[in-house]
Amino acid sequence: MSAWAAPLRLALSLGLSPEAFWRLSLKEWRALTETPPAPALTRADLSALIARYPDEETSP
């Protein structure tokens, strides 16, 4: 099986024709297939995490 088989199947599942797939730049391909980054924490989310997992107090 060709090394291009899996990427081509993915492109077809995205609705790209084989011709459009081969015209894509690497940057375009990555933009189509990369996992979007997780959203940044809000202040409220950070405060909730701090409350849930407080720093352990250490005694001198």
PDB file of N, CA and C in Angstrom:
ATOM      1  N   MET A   1       0.849  -1.175   0.000  1.00  0.00           N
ATOM      2  CA  MET A   1       0.000   0.000   0.000  1.00  0.00           C
ATOM      3  C   MET A   1       0.895   1.237   0.000  1.00  0.00           C
ATOM      4  N   SER A   2       0.505   2.223  -0.742  1.00  0.00           N
ATOM      5  CA  SER A   2       1.272   3.454  -0.862  1.00  0.00           C
ATOM      6  C   SER A   2       1.245   4.249   0.439  1.00  0.00           C
ATOM      7  N   ALA A   3       2.315   4.993   0.678  1.00  0.00           N
ATOM      8  CA  ALA A   3       2.365   5.869   1.852  1.00  0.00           C
ATOM      9  C   ALA A   3       1.342   6.988   1.741  1.00  0.00           C
ATOM     10  N   TRP A   4       0.858   7.243   0.527  1.00  0.00           N
ATOM     11  CA  TRP A   4      -0.109   8.326   0.305  1.00  0.00           C
ATOM     12  C   TRP A   4      -1.549   7.856   0.441  1.00  0.00           C
ATOM     13  N   ALA A   5      -1.781   6.577   0.634  1.00  0.00           N
ATOM     14  CA  ALA A   5      -3.148   6.046   0.673  1.00  0.00           C
ATOM     15  C   ALA A   5      -3.966   6.642   1.823  1.00  0.00           C
ATOM     16  N   ALA A   6      -3.417   6.642   3.027  1.00  0.00           N
ATOM     17  CA  ALA A   6      -4.166   7.163   4.182  1.00  0.00           C
ATOM     18  C   ALA A   6      -4.448   8.660   4.051  1.00  0.00           C
ATOM     19  N   PRO A   7      -3.445   9.490   3.694  1.00  0.00           N
ATOM     20  CA  PRO A   7      -3.757  10.912   3.522  1.00  0.00           C
ATOM     21  C   PRO A   7      -4.773  11.167   2.412  1.00  0.00           C
ATOM     22  N   LEU A   8      -4.704  10.399   1.333  1.00  0.00           N
ATOM     23  CA  LEU A   8      -5.661  10.582   0.243  1.00  0.00           C
ATOM     24  C   LEU A   8      -7.066  10.182   0.685  1.00  0.00           C
ATOM     25  N   ARG A   9      -7.193   9.093   1.452  1.00  0.00           N
ATOM     26  CA  ARG A   9      -8.510   8.701   1.973  1.00  0.00           C
ATOM     27  C   ARG A   9      -9.070   9.785   2.887  1.00  0.00           C
ATOM     28  N   LEU A  10      -8.215  10.368   3.724  1.00  0.00           N
ATOM     29  CA  LEU A  10      -8.652  11.450   4.602  1.00  0.00           C
ATOM     30  C   LEU A  10      -9.114  12.646   3.781  1.00  0.00           C
ATOM     31  N   ALA A  11      -8.365  12.987   2.752  1.00  0.00           N
ATOM     32  CA  ALA A  11      -8.743  14.115   1.891  1.00  0.00           C
ATOM     33  C   ALA A  11     -10.088  13.865   1.231  1.00  0.00           C
ATOM     34  N   LEU A  12     -10.311  12.647   0.778  1.00  0.00           N
ATOM     35  CA  LEU A  12     -11.595  12.313   0.154  1.00  0.00           C
ATOM     36  C   LEU A  12     -12.727  12.397   1.169  1.00  0.00           C
ATOM     37  N   SER A  13     -12.453  11.994   2.417  1.00  0.00           N
ATOM     38  CA  SER A  13     -13.498  12.086   3.444  1.00  0.00           C
ATOM     39  C   SER A  13     -13.809  13.540   3.785  1.00  0.00           C
ATOM     40  N   LEU A  14     -12.852  14.442   3.531  1.00  0.00           N
ATOM     41  CA  LEU A  14     -13.075  15.874   3.734  1.00  0.00           C
ATOM     42  C   LEU A  14     -13.774  16.515   2.540  1.00  0.00           C
ATOM     43  N   GLY A  15     -13.976  15.722   1.487  1.00  0.00           N
ATOM     44  CA  GLY A  15     -14.665  16.234   0.306  1.00  0.00           C
ATOM     45  C   GLY A  15     -13.740  16.770  -0.775  1.00  0.00           C
ATOM     46  N   LEU A  16     -12.434  16.556  -0.631  1.00  0.00           N
ATOM     47  CA  LEU A  16     -11.491  17.016  -1.649  1.00  0.00           C
ATOM     48  C   LEU A  16     -11.392  15.995  -2.769  1.00  0.00           C
ATOM     49  N   SER A  17     -11.293  16.480  -3.977  1.00  0.00           N
ATOM     50  CA  SER A  17     -11.043  15.577  -5.100  1.00  0.00           C
ATOM     51  C   SER A  17      -9.559  15.213  -5.082  1.00  0.00           C
ATOM     52  N   PRO A  18      -9.173  14.111  -5.731  1.00  0.00           N
ATOM     53  CA  PRO A  18      -7.744  13.786  -5.797  1.00  0.00           C
ATOM     54  C   PRO A  18      -6.924  14.931  -6.403  1.00  0.00           C
ATOM     55  N   GLU A  19      -7.481  15.604  -7.402  1.00  0.00           N
ATOM     56  CA  GLU A  19      -6.756  16.717  -8.029  1.00  0.00           C
ATOM     57  C   GLU A  19      -6.521  17.842  -7.022  1.00  0.00           C
ATOM     58  N   ALA A  20      -7.551  18.165  -6.230  1.00  0.00           N
ATOM     59  CA  ALA A  20      -7.408  19.221  -5.218  1.00  0.00           C
ATOM     60  C   ALA A  20      -6.402  18.804  -4.146  1.00  0.00           C
ATOM     61  N   PHE A  21      -6.410  17.517  -3.788  1.00  0.00           N
ATOM     62  CA  PHE A  21      -5.459  17.011  -2.805  1.00  0.00           C
ATOM     63  C   PHE A  21      -4.027  17.255  -3.265  1.00  0.00           C
ATOM     64  N   TRP A  22      -3.729  16.919  -4.512  1.00  0.00           N
ATOM     65  CA  TRP A  22      -2.365  17.049  -5.007  1.00  0.00           C
ATOM     66  C   TRP A  22      -1.956  18.505  -5.212  1.00  0.00           C
ATOM     67  N   ARG A  23      -2.914  19.413  -5.306  1.00  0.00           N
ATOM     68  CA  ARG A  23      -2.592  20.839  -5.448  1.00  0.00           C
ATOM     69  C   ARG A  23      -2.339  21.513  -4.100  1.00  0.00           C
ATOM     70  N   LEU A  24      -2.732  20.864  -3.010  1.00  0.00           N
ATOM     71  CA  LEU A  24      -2.550  21.462  -1.684  1.00  0.00           C
ATOM     72  C   LEU A  24      -1.070  21.611  -1.339  1.00  0.00           C
ATOM     73  N   SER A  25      -0.747  22.731  -0.719  1.00  0.00           N
ATOM     74  CA  SER A  25       0.598  22.873  -0.156  1.00  0.00           C
ATOM     75  C   SER A  25       0.614  22.136   1.185  1.00  0.00           C
ATOM     76  N   LEU A  26       1.797  21.893   1.699  1.00  0.00           N
ATOM     77  CA  LEU A  26       1.907  21.225   2.996  1.00  0.00           C
ATOM     78  C   LEU A  26       1.242  22.068   4.082  1.00  0.00           C
ATOM     79  N   LYS A  27       1.398  23.382   3.991  1.00  0.00           N
ATOM     80  CA  LYS A  27       0.780  24.278   4.971  1.00  0.00           C
ATOM     81  C   LYS A  27      -0.744  24.171   4.913  1.00  0.00           C
ATOM     82  N   GLU A  28      -1.316  24.099   3.718  1.00  0.00           N
ATOM     83  CA  GLU A  28      -2.770  23.953   3.574  1.00  0.00           C
ATOM     84  C   GLU A  28      -3.235  22.606   4.122  1.00  0.00           C
ATOM     85  N   TRP A  29      -2.492  21.552   3.827  1.00  0.00           N
ATOM     86  CA  TRP A  29      -2.845  20.211   4.316  1.00  0.00           C
ATOM     87  C   TRP A  29      -2.848  20.186   5.839  1.00  0.00           C
ATOM     88  N   ARG A  30      -1.822  20.773   6.439  1.00  0.00           N
ATOM     89  CA  ARG A  30      -1.759  20.796   7.905  1.00  0.00           C
ATOM     90  C   ARG A  30      -2.910  21.600   8.497  1.00  0.00           C
ATOM     91  N   ALA A  31      -3.265  22.706   7.845  1.00  0.00           N
ATOM     92  CA  ALA A  31      -4.385  23.517   8.338  1.00  0.00           C
ATOM     93  C   ALA A  31      -5.691  22.727   8.293  1.00  0.00           C
ATOM     94  N   LEU A  32      -5.849  21.878   7.288  1.00  0.00           N
ATOM     95  CA  LEU A  32      -7.066  21.072   7.166  1.00  0.00           C
ATOM     96  C   LEU A  32      -7.119  19.920   8.163  1.00  0.00           C
ATOM     97  N   THR A  33      -5.969  19.372   8.512  1.00  0.00           N
ATOM     98  CA  THR A  33      -5.968  18.120   9.266  1.00  0.00           C
ATOM     99  C   THR A  33      -5.481  18.224  10.705  1.00  0.00           C
ATOM    100  N   GLU A  34      -4.913  19.342  11.101  1.00  0.00           N
ATOM    101  CA  GLU A  34      -4.397  19.403  12.470  1.00  0.00           C
ATOM    102  C   GLU A  34      -5.531  19.532  13.480  1.00  0.00           C
ATOM    103  N   THR A  35      -5.267  19.063  14.661  1.00  0.00           N
ATOM    104  CA  THR A  35      -6.226  19.173  15.754  1.00  0.00           C
ATOM    105  C   THR A  35      -6.192  20.603  16.273  1.00  0.00           C
ATOM    106  N   PRO A  36      -7.342  21.235  16.385  1.00  0.00           N
ATOM    107  CA  PRO A  36      -7.326  22.611  16.888  1.00  0.00           C
ATOM    108  C   PRO A  36      -6.809  22.663  18.323  1.00  0.00           C
ATOM    109  N   PRO A  37      -6.102  23.727  18.670  1.00  0.00           N
ATOM    110  CA  PRO A  37      -5.585  23.817  20.040  1.00  0.00           C
ATOM    111  C   PRO A  37      -6.717  23.967  21.044  1.00  0.00           C
ATOM    112  N   ALA A  38      -6.444  23.541  22.242  1.00  0.00           N
ATOM    113  CA  ALA A  38      -7.434  23.690  23.318  1.00  0.00           C
ATOM    114  C   ALA A  38      -7.613  25.172  23.623  1.00  0.00           C
ATOM    115  N   PRO A  39      -8.820  25.572  23.974  1.00  0.00           N
ATOM    116  CA  PRO A  39      -9.023  26.985  24.311  1.00  0.00           C
ATOM    117  C   PRO A  39      -8.246  27.356  25.573  1.00  0.00           C
ATOM    118  N   ALA A  40      -7.863  28.609  25.649  1.00  0.00           N
ATOM    119  CA  ALA A  40      -7.120  29.093  26.814  1.00  0.00           C
ATOM    120  C   ALA A  40      -8.027  29.101  28.042  1.00  0.00           C
ATOM    121  N   LEU A  41      -7.414  28.928  29.195  1.00  0.00           N
ATOM    122  CA  LEU A  41      -8.178  28.984  30.443  1.00  0.00           C
ATOM    123  C   LEU A  41      -8.659  30.409  30.694  1.00  0.00           C
ATOM    124  N   THR A  42      -9.865  30.520  31.172  1.00  0.00           N
ATOM    125  CA  THR A  42     -10.368  31.823  31.603  1.00  0.00           C
ATOM    126  C   THR A  42      -9.936  32.033  33.049  1.00  0.00           C
ATOM    127  N   ARG A  43     -10.073  33.239  33.532  1.00  0.00           N
ATOM    128  CA  ARG A  43      -9.754  33.504  34.944  1.00  0.00           C
ATOM    129  C   ARG A  43     -10.607  32.645  35.864  1.00  0.00           C
ATOM    130  N   ALA A  44     -11.878  32.495  35.506  1.00  0.00           N
ATOM    131  CA  ALA A  44     -12.782  31.684  36.337  1.00  0.00           C
ATOM    132  C   ALA A  44     -12.318  30.230  36.366  1.00  0.00           C
ATOM    133  N   ASP A  45     -11.910  29.695  35.203  1.00  0.00           N
ATOM    134  CA  ASP A  45     -11.410  28.318  35.151  1.00  0.00           C
ATOM    135  C   ASP A  45     -10.148  28.165  35.997  1.00  0.00           C
ATOM    136  N   LEU A  46      -9.237  29.138  35.881  1.00  0.00           N
ATOM    137  CA  LEU A  46      -8.004  29.082  36.656  1.00  0.00           C
ATOM    138  C   LEU A  46      -8.300  29.162  38.153  1.00  0.00           C
ATOM    139  N   SER A  47      -9.198  30.040  38.536  1.00  0.00           N
ATOM    140  CA  SER A  47      -9.570  30.159  39.954  1.00  0.00           C
ATOM    141  C   SER A  47     -10.177  28.861  40.469  1.00  0.00           C
ATOM    142  N   ALA A  48     -11.006  28.220  39.650  1.00  0.00           N
ATOM    143  CA  ALA A  48     -11.610  26.945  40.049  1.00  0.00           C
ATOM    144  C   ALA A  48     -10.538  25.873  40.232  1.00  0.00           C
ATOM    145  N   LEU A  49      -9.543  25.836  39.340  1.00  0.00           N
ATOM    146  CA  LEU A  49      -8.458  24.862  39.478  1.00  0.00           C
ATOM    147  C   LEU A  49      -7.627  25.132  40.728  1.00  0.00           C
ATOM    148  N   ILE A  50      -7.350  26.410  40.984  1.00  0.00           N
ATOM    149  CA  ILE A  50      -6.572  26.762  42.178  1.00  0.00           C
ATOM    150  C   ILE A  50      -7.328  26.356  43.439  1.00  0.00           C
ATOM    151  N   ALA A  51      -8.641  26.570  43.454  1.00  0.00           N
ATOM    152  CA  ALA A  51      -9.444  26.188  44.619  1.00  0.00           C
ATOM    153  C   ALA A  51      -9.493  24.669  44.778  1.00  0.00           C
ATOM    154  N   ARG A  52      -9.559  23.967  43.672  1.00  0.00           N
ATOM    155  CA  ARG A  52      -9.664  22.505  43.731  1.00  0.00           C
ATOM    156  C   ARG A  52      -8.334  21.847  44.093  1.00  0.00           C
ATOM    157  N   TYR A  53      -7.249  22.416  43.610  1.00  0.00           N
ATOM    158  CA  TYR A  53      -5.921  21.842  43.846  1.00  0.00           C
ATOM    159  C   TYR A  53      -5.005  22.890  44.473  1.00  0.00           C
ATOM    160  N   PRO A  54      -5.232  23.230  45.739  1.00  0.00           N
ATOM    161  CA  PRO A  54      -4.395  24.257  46.375  1.00  0.00           C
ATOM    162  C   PRO A  54      -2.968  23.743  46.575  1.00  0.00           C
ATOM    163  N   ASP A  55      -2.046  24.696  46.644  1.00  0.00           N
ATOM    164  CA  ASP A  55      -0.663  24.327  46.951  1.00  0.00           C
ATOM    165  C   ASP A  55      -0.616  23.739  48.350  1.00  0.00           C
ATOM    166  N   GLU A  56       0.192  22.725  48.507  1.00  0.00           N
ATOM    167  CA  GLU A  56       0.338  22.132  49.832  1.00  0.00           C
ATOM    168  C   GLU A  56       1.165  23.067  50.694  1.00  0.00           C
ATOM    169  N   GLU A  57       0.726  23.217  51.913  1.00  0.00           N
ATOM    170  CA  GLU A  57       1.495  24.045  52.833  1.00  0.00           C
ATOM    171  C   GLU A  57       2.651  23.216  53.356  1.00  0.00           C
ATOM    172  N   THR A  58       3.795  23.843  53.368  1.00  0.00           N
ATOM    173  CA  THR A  58       4.974  23.149  53.899  1.00  0.00           C
ATOM    174  C   THR A  58       5.369  23.817  55.200  1.00  0.00           C
ATOM    175  N   SER A  59       5.739  23.017  56.150  1.00  0.00           N
ATOM    176  CA  SER A  59       6.179  23.585  57.427  1.00  0.00           C
ATOM    177  C   SER A  59       7.703  23.638  57.427  1.00  0.00           C
ATOM    178  N   PRO A  60       8.249  24.721  57.979  1.00  0.00           N
ATOM    179  CA  PRO A  60       9.722  24.871  57.980  1.00  0.00           C
ATOM    180  C   PRO A  60      10.437  23.918  58.889  1.00  0.00           C
TER     181      PRO A  60
END
